[in-house]
Amino acid sequence: MSSTPRFLQGTYPFTGAGLEKGVPLEGLTGFRVPDGYRAQPVYFRGGNPTGELVVVALLRDGVAVRLFPIGARDAVHVPLSIVEDVEAPSTLELQVMAPEGLTGCVVVDLGLVEV
């Protein structure tokens, strides 16, 4: 069986709604696992140029399954050691949780394998 790499990546603006409430990253669409396939998130890289802590959440069908805190003016690389199959028809998306009213952007790179 072959596998195809897929990515959710780019630099996306946001306006924070609080560290307990995720907001979509403006312009980033989610990844819908195609029928007959499954996907596995394998790593996350993120950068935060703002002066405040932000948290990027990986959501599966609207439910947070991983949280990636990124310190102020910092970056992270998280290889996902627990790789789970995400079956079709599921949607993976990223949201950011940030202090209310904080505006900025985050750099995200979520690596997936579609099998």
N, C-alpha and C. Protein backbone atom coordinates (compact mmCIF):
# COMPACT_ATOMS: atom_id res chain seq x y z
N MET A 1 0.85 -1.18 0.00
CA MET A 1 0.00 0.00 0.00
C MET A 1 0.90 1.24 0.00
N SER A 2 0.60 2.17 -0.86
CA SER A 2 1.41 3.38 -0.93
C SER A 2 0.89 4.45 0.03
N SER A 3 1.76 5.39 0.34
CA SER A 3 1.37 6.49 1.20
C SER A 3 1.70 7.80 0.49
N THR A 4 0.93 8.82 0.82
CA THR A 4 1.10 10.14 0.21
C THR A 4 1.27 11.18 1.32
N PRO A 5 2.35 11.96 1.28
CA PRO A 5 2.49 13.01 2.29
C PRO A 5 1.50 14.15 2.04
N ARG A 6 0.94 14.67 3.09
CA ARG A 6 0.03 15.82 3.04
C ARG A 6 0.46 16.81 4.11
N PHE A 7 0.19 18.08 3.88
CA PHE A 7 0.63 19.10 4.82
C PHE A 7 -0.45 20.16 5.01
N LEU A 8 -0.56 20.64 6.23
CA LEU A 8 -1.30 21.87 6.53
C LEU A 8 -0.22 22.84 6.96
N GLN A 9 0.08 23.82 6.13
CA GLN A 9 1.20 24.67 6.46
C GLN A 9 1.03 26.08 5.91
N GLY A 10 1.68 27.01 6.58
CA GLY A 10 1.64 28.41 6.16
C GLY A 10 1.73 29.34 7.36
N THR A 11 1.57 30.61 7.08
CA THR A 11 1.54 31.63 8.11
C THR A 11 0.15 32.23 8.11
N TYR A 12 -0.50 32.22 9.28
CA TYR A 12 -1.92 32.58 9.34
C TYR A 12 -2.18 33.58 10.46
N PRO A 13 -2.93 34.64 10.15
CA PRO A 13 -3.28 35.61 11.19
C PRO A 13 -4.42 35.09 12.07
N PHE A 14 -4.48 35.69 13.26
CA PHE A 14 -5.56 35.33 14.20
C PHE A 14 -5.82 36.51 15.12
N THR A 15 -6.97 36.46 15.76
CA THR A 15 -7.28 37.35 16.87
C THR A 15 -7.71 36.46 18.03
N GLY A 16 -6.97 36.52 19.13
CA GLY A 16 -7.22 35.64 20.26
C GLY A 16 -8.56 35.87 20.91
N ALA A 17 -9.14 34.76 21.41
CA ALA A 17 -10.42 34.81 22.12
C ALA A 17 -10.27 34.24 23.53
N GLY A 18 -9.02 34.11 24.00
CA GLY A 18 -8.78 33.54 25.32
C GLY A 18 -8.05 32.21 25.20
N LEU A 19 -7.29 31.86 26.24
CA LEU A 19 -6.52 30.62 26.19
C LEU A 19 -7.39 29.37 26.32
N GLU A 20 -8.67 29.57 26.62
CA GLU A 20 -9.57 28.42 26.73
C GLU A 20 -10.45 28.24 25.50
N LYS A 21 -10.35 29.18 24.54
CA LYS A 21 -11.25 29.13 23.39
C LYS A 21 -10.46 29.21 22.10
N GLY A 22 -10.54 28.17 21.30
CA GLY A 22 -9.84 28.13 20.02
C GLY A 22 -10.56 28.93 18.95
N VAL A 23 -9.78 29.54 18.08
CA VAL A 23 -10.34 30.24 16.92
C VAL A 23 -9.65 29.70 15.68
N PRO A 24 -10.39 29.62 14.59
CA PRO A 24 -9.78 29.12 13.35
C PRO A 24 -8.66 30.05 12.89
N LEU A 25 -7.68 29.50 12.23
CA LEU A 25 -6.63 30.29 11.62
C LEU A 25 -7.18 30.80 10.30
N GLU A 26 -7.17 32.13 10.14
CA GLU A 26 -7.77 32.76 8.96
C GLU A 26 -7.10 32.27 7.69
N GLY A 27 -7.89 31.67 6.80
CA GLY A 27 -7.38 31.23 5.52
C GLY A 27 -6.90 29.79 5.47
N LEU A 28 -6.84 29.11 6.61
CA LEU A 28 -6.39 27.71 6.61
C LEU A 28 -7.59 26.79 6.60
N THR A 29 -7.72 26.00 5.58
CA THR A 29 -8.80 25.02 5.53
C THR A 29 -8.31 23.72 6.15
N GLY A 30 -9.21 22.95 6.60
CA GLY A 30 -8.87 21.67 7.21
C GLY A 30 -8.54 20.62 6.16
N PHE A 31 -8.15 19.46 6.63
CA PHE A 31 -7.86 18.33 5.75
C PHE A 31 -8.92 17.27 5.99
N ARG A 32 -9.67 16.96 4.95
CA ARG A 32 -10.69 15.93 5.04
C ARG A 32 -10.11 14.63 4.50
N VAL A 33 -10.14 13.59 5.30
CA VAL A 33 -9.62 12.30 4.89
C VAL A 33 -10.55 11.74 3.81
N PRO A 34 -10.00 11.47 2.62
CA PRO A 34 -10.85 10.98 1.53
C PRO A 34 -11.41 9.58 1.83
N ASP A 35 -12.57 9.32 1.27
CA ASP A 35 -13.17 7.99 1.42
C ASP A 35 -12.20 6.92 0.94
N GLY A 36 -12.12 5.84 1.68
CA GLY A 36 -11.25 4.73 1.32
C GLY A 36 -9.82 4.89 1.79
N TYR A 37 -9.52 6.00 2.48
CA TYR A 37 -8.16 6.25 2.97
C TYR A 37 -8.19 6.50 4.47
N ARG A 38 -7.02 6.54 5.04
CA ARG A 38 -6.87 6.97 6.43
C ARG A 38 -5.65 7.88 6.47
N ALA A 39 -5.57 8.68 7.49
CA ALA A 39 -4.46 9.63 7.62
C ALA A 39 -3.82 9.47 8.99
N GLN A 40 -2.53 9.83 9.05
CA GLN A 40 -1.81 9.78 10.31
C GLN A 40 -1.02 11.08 10.47
N PRO A 41 -1.34 11.90 11.47
CA PRO A 41 -0.49 13.07 11.75
C PRO A 41 0.85 12.57 12.29
N VAL A 42 1.97 13.06 11.73
CA VAL A 42 3.27 12.54 12.14
C VAL A 42 4.18 13.59 12.80
N TYR A 43 3.92 14.87 12.56
CA TYR A 43 4.71 15.89 13.26
C TYR A 43 3.99 17.22 13.20
N PHE A 44 4.40 18.11 14.09
CA PHE A 44 3.91 19.49 14.09
C PHE A 44 5.10 20.41 14.31
N ARG A 45 5.19 21.43 13.52
CA ARG A 45 6.15 22.51 13.74
C ARG A 45 5.37 23.80 13.78
N GLY A 46 5.74 24.67 14.68
CA GLY A 46 5.03 25.93 14.78
C GLY A 46 5.92 27.05 15.27
N GLY A 47 5.60 28.25 14.86
CA GLY A 47 6.33 29.43 15.29
C GLY A 47 5.36 30.50 15.73
N ASN A 48 5.77 31.25 16.75
CA ASN A 48 4.93 32.28 17.33
C ASN A 48 5.73 33.57 17.47
N PRO A 49 5.54 34.55 16.57
CA PRO A 49 6.29 35.80 16.67
C PRO A 49 5.71 36.81 17.66
N THR A 50 4.57 36.49 18.29
CA THR A 50 3.98 37.45 19.23
C THR A 50 4.73 37.41 20.56
N GLY A 51 4.41 38.34 21.41
CA GLY A 51 5.03 38.43 22.73
C GLY A 51 4.28 37.67 23.81
N GLU A 52 3.32 36.81 23.43
CA GLU A 52 2.51 36.06 24.38
C GLU A 52 2.50 34.57 24.02
N LEU A 53 2.28 33.74 25.03
CA LEU A 53 2.10 32.31 24.80
C LEU A 53 0.85 32.08 23.96
N VAL A 54 0.92 31.21 22.98
CA VAL A 54 -0.25 30.77 22.23
C VAL A 54 -0.24 29.25 22.23
N VAL A 55 -1.39 28.67 21.97
CA VAL A 55 -1.51 27.22 21.89
C VAL A 55 -2.20 26.88 20.58
N VAL A 56 -1.58 26.02 19.79
CA VAL A 56 -2.22 25.55 18.57
C VAL A 56 -2.83 24.19 18.89
N ALA A 57 -4.09 24.04 18.54
CA ALA A 57 -4.81 22.79 18.81
C ALA A 57 -5.08 22.07 17.50
N LEU A 58 -4.82 20.76 17.50
CA LEU A 58 -5.20 19.90 16.38
C LEU A 58 -6.56 19.31 16.72
N LEU A 59 -7.53 19.57 15.85
CA LEU A 59 -8.88 19.09 16.07
C LEU A 59 -9.22 17.99 15.08
N ARG A 60 -9.90 17.00 15.58
CA ARG A 60 -10.44 15.93 14.73
C ARG A 60 -11.95 16.00 14.85
N ASP A 61 -12.59 16.35 13.76
CA ASP A 61 -14.06 16.51 13.74
C ASP A 61 -14.52 17.44 14.85
N GLY A 62 -13.76 18.52 15.04
CA GLY A 62 -14.15 19.55 15.99
C GLY A 62 -13.73 19.31 17.43
N VAL A 63 -13.08 18.18 17.70
CA VAL A 63 -12.65 17.85 19.06
C VAL A 63 -11.13 17.91 19.14
N ALA A 64 -10.62 18.64 20.11
CA ALA A 64 -9.16 18.78 20.25
C ALA A 64 -8.55 17.43 20.62
N VAL A 65 -7.53 17.02 19.85
CA VAL A 65 -6.85 15.75 20.13
C VAL A 65 -5.37 15.97 20.51
N ARG A 66 -4.81 17.12 20.18
CA ARG A 66 -3.44 17.45 20.56
C ARG A 66 -3.35 18.95 20.76
N LEU A 67 -2.56 19.37 21.75
CA LEU A 67 -2.31 20.78 22.01
C LEU A 67 -0.81 21.02 21.88
N PHE A 68 -0.44 22.11 21.20
CA PHE A 68 0.96 22.45 21.00
C PHE A 68 1.19 23.86 21.52
N PRO A 69 1.62 24.01 22.78
CA PRO A 69 1.93 25.34 23.30
C PRO A 69 3.20 25.88 22.63
N ILE A 70 3.16 27.17 22.29
CA ILE A 70 4.32 27.81 21.68
C ILE A 70 4.58 29.09 22.46
N GLY A 71 5.74 29.18 23.07
CA GLY A 71 6.09 30.34 23.87
C GLY A 71 6.21 31.60 23.04
N ALA A 72 6.29 32.73 23.74
CA ALA A 72 6.44 34.03 23.08
C ALA A 72 7.73 34.05 22.27
N ARG A 73 7.60 34.49 21.03
CA ARG A 73 8.75 34.60 20.11
C ARG A 73 9.57 33.32 20.12
N ASP A 74 8.87 32.20 19.94
CA ASP A 74 9.52 30.90 20.03
C ASP A 74 8.98 29.97 18.94
N ALA A 75 9.57 28.81 18.85
CA ALA A 75 9.13 27.82 17.88
C ALA A 75 9.24 26.43 18.50
N VAL A 76 8.45 25.50 17.98
CA VAL A 76 8.50 24.12 18.47
C VAL A 76 8.50 23.16 17.29
N HIS A 77 9.09 22.00 17.52
CA HIS A 77 8.99 20.88 16.59
C HIS A 77 8.63 19.67 17.43
N VAL A 78 7.48 19.10 17.15
CA VAL A 78 6.97 17.99 17.95
C VAL A 78 6.77 16.78 17.05
N PRO A 79 7.70 15.81 17.09
CA PRO A 79 7.43 14.56 16.38
C PRO A 79 6.39 13.79 17.19
N LEU A 80 5.33 13.35 16.54
CA LEU A 80 4.26 12.68 17.27
C LEU A 80 4.61 11.22 17.43
N SER A 81 4.95 10.84 18.65
CA SER A 81 5.39 9.46 18.90
C SER A 81 4.21 8.50 18.97
N ILE A 82 3.03 9.01 19.26
CA ILE A 82 1.83 8.17 19.23
C ILE A 82 1.06 8.54 17.97
N VAL A 83 1.16 7.70 16.98
CA VAL A 83 0.52 7.97 15.69
C VAL A 83 -0.77 7.19 15.63
N GLU A 84 -1.85 7.90 15.41
CA GLU A 84 -3.16 7.26 15.37
C GLU A 84 -3.72 7.32 13.95
N ASP A 85 -4.43 6.31 13.57
CA ASP A 85 -5.13 6.34 12.30
C ASP A 85 -6.37 7.21 12.42
N VAL A 86 -6.54 8.06 11.44
CA VAL A 86 -7.75 8.89 11.35
C VAL A 86 -8.50 8.39 10.13
N GLU A 87 -9.61 7.76 10.37
CA GLU A 87 -10.38 7.14 9.30
C GLU A 87 -11.28 8.16 8.60
N ALA A 88 -11.57 7.89 7.35
CA ALA A 88 -12.54 8.68 6.60
C ALA A 88 -13.94 8.34 7.12
N PRO A 89 -14.84 9.25 7.09
CA PRO A 89 -14.76 10.65 6.69
C PRO A 89 -14.52 11.54 7.89
N SER A 90 -13.30 11.84 8.19
CA SER A 90 -12.95 12.72 9.30
C SER A 90 -12.27 13.97 8.75
N THR A 91 -12.33 15.04 9.52
CA THR A 91 -11.66 16.28 9.14
C THR A 91 -10.70 16.69 10.24
N LEU A 92 -9.48 17.00 9.83
CA LEU A 92 -8.46 17.52 10.76
C LEU A 92 -8.30 19.01 10.49
N GLU A 93 -8.22 19.78 11.55
CA GLU A 93 -8.01 21.21 11.39
C GLU A 93 -7.18 21.75 12.55
N LEU A 94 -6.64 22.93 12.36
CA LEU A 94 -5.86 23.58 13.40
C LEU A 94 -6.57 24.85 13.84
N GLN A 95 -6.55 25.11 15.15
CA GLN A 95 -7.05 26.35 15.71
C GLN A 95 -6.00 26.89 16.66
N VAL A 96 -6.13 28.16 16.99
CA VAL A 96 -5.20 28.77 17.93
C VAL A 96 -5.97 29.30 19.13
N MET A 97 -5.38 29.11 20.30
CA MET A 97 -5.90 29.68 21.54
C MET A 97 -4.86 30.70 22.00
N ALA A 98 -5.31 31.92 22.20
CA ALA A 98 -4.40 33.02 22.54
C ALA A 98 -5.13 33.99 23.45
N PRO A 99 -4.38 34.81 24.21
CA PRO A 99 -5.04 35.77 25.08
C PRO A 99 -6.05 36.62 24.31
N GLU A 100 -7.17 36.91 24.97
CA GLU A 100 -8.24 37.65 24.33
C GLU A 100 -7.75 38.97 23.78
N GLY A 101 -8.05 39.24 22.53
CA GLY A 101 -7.70 40.48 21.87
C GLY A 101 -6.31 40.50 21.25
N LEU A 102 -5.49 39.50 21.55
CA LEU A 102 -4.15 39.46 20.96
C LEU A 102 -4.28 39.21 19.46
N THR A 103 -3.65 40.06 18.68
CA THR A 103 -3.62 39.82 17.24
C THR A 103 -2.19 39.47 16.85
N GLY A 104 -2.08 38.63 15.87
CA GLY A 104 -0.76 38.21 15.42
C GLY A 104 -0.91 37.15 14.36
N CYS A 105 0.15 36.42 14.17
CA CYS A 105 0.10 35.31 13.23
C CYS A 105 0.91 34.16 13.81
N VAL A 106 0.63 32.98 13.35
CA VAL A 106 1.42 31.81 13.72
C VAL A 106 1.86 31.12 12.44
N VAL A 107 3.01 30.50 12.54
CA VAL A 107 3.52 29.69 11.45
C VAL A 107 3.26 28.24 11.83
N VAL A 108 2.58 27.51 10.96
CA VAL A 108 2.27 26.12 11.27
C VAL A 108 2.70 25.21 10.12
N ASP A 109 3.10 24.01 10.50
CA ASP A 109 3.45 22.98 9.53
C ASP A 109 3.07 21.64 10.16
N LEU A 110 1.94 21.12 9.75
CA LEU A 110 1.47 19.82 10.25
C LEU A 110 1.69 18.80 9.15
N GLY A 111 2.51 17.80 9.44
CA GLY A 111 2.79 16.76 8.46
C GLY A 111 1.89 15.56 8.68
N LEU A 112 1.27 15.11 7.60
CA LEU A 112 0.36 13.98 7.63
C LEU A 112 0.81 12.95 6.61
N VAL A 113 0.43 11.72 6.83
CA VAL A 113 0.61 10.68 5.83
C VAL A 113 -0.77 10.13 5.52
N GLU A 114 -1.11 10.13 4.24
CA GLU A 114 -2.39 9.56 3.80
C GLU A 114 -2.10 8.16 3.27
N VAL A 115 -2.77 7.19 3.83
CA VAL A 115 -2.53 5.79 3.46
C VAL A 115 -3.80 5.20 2.89
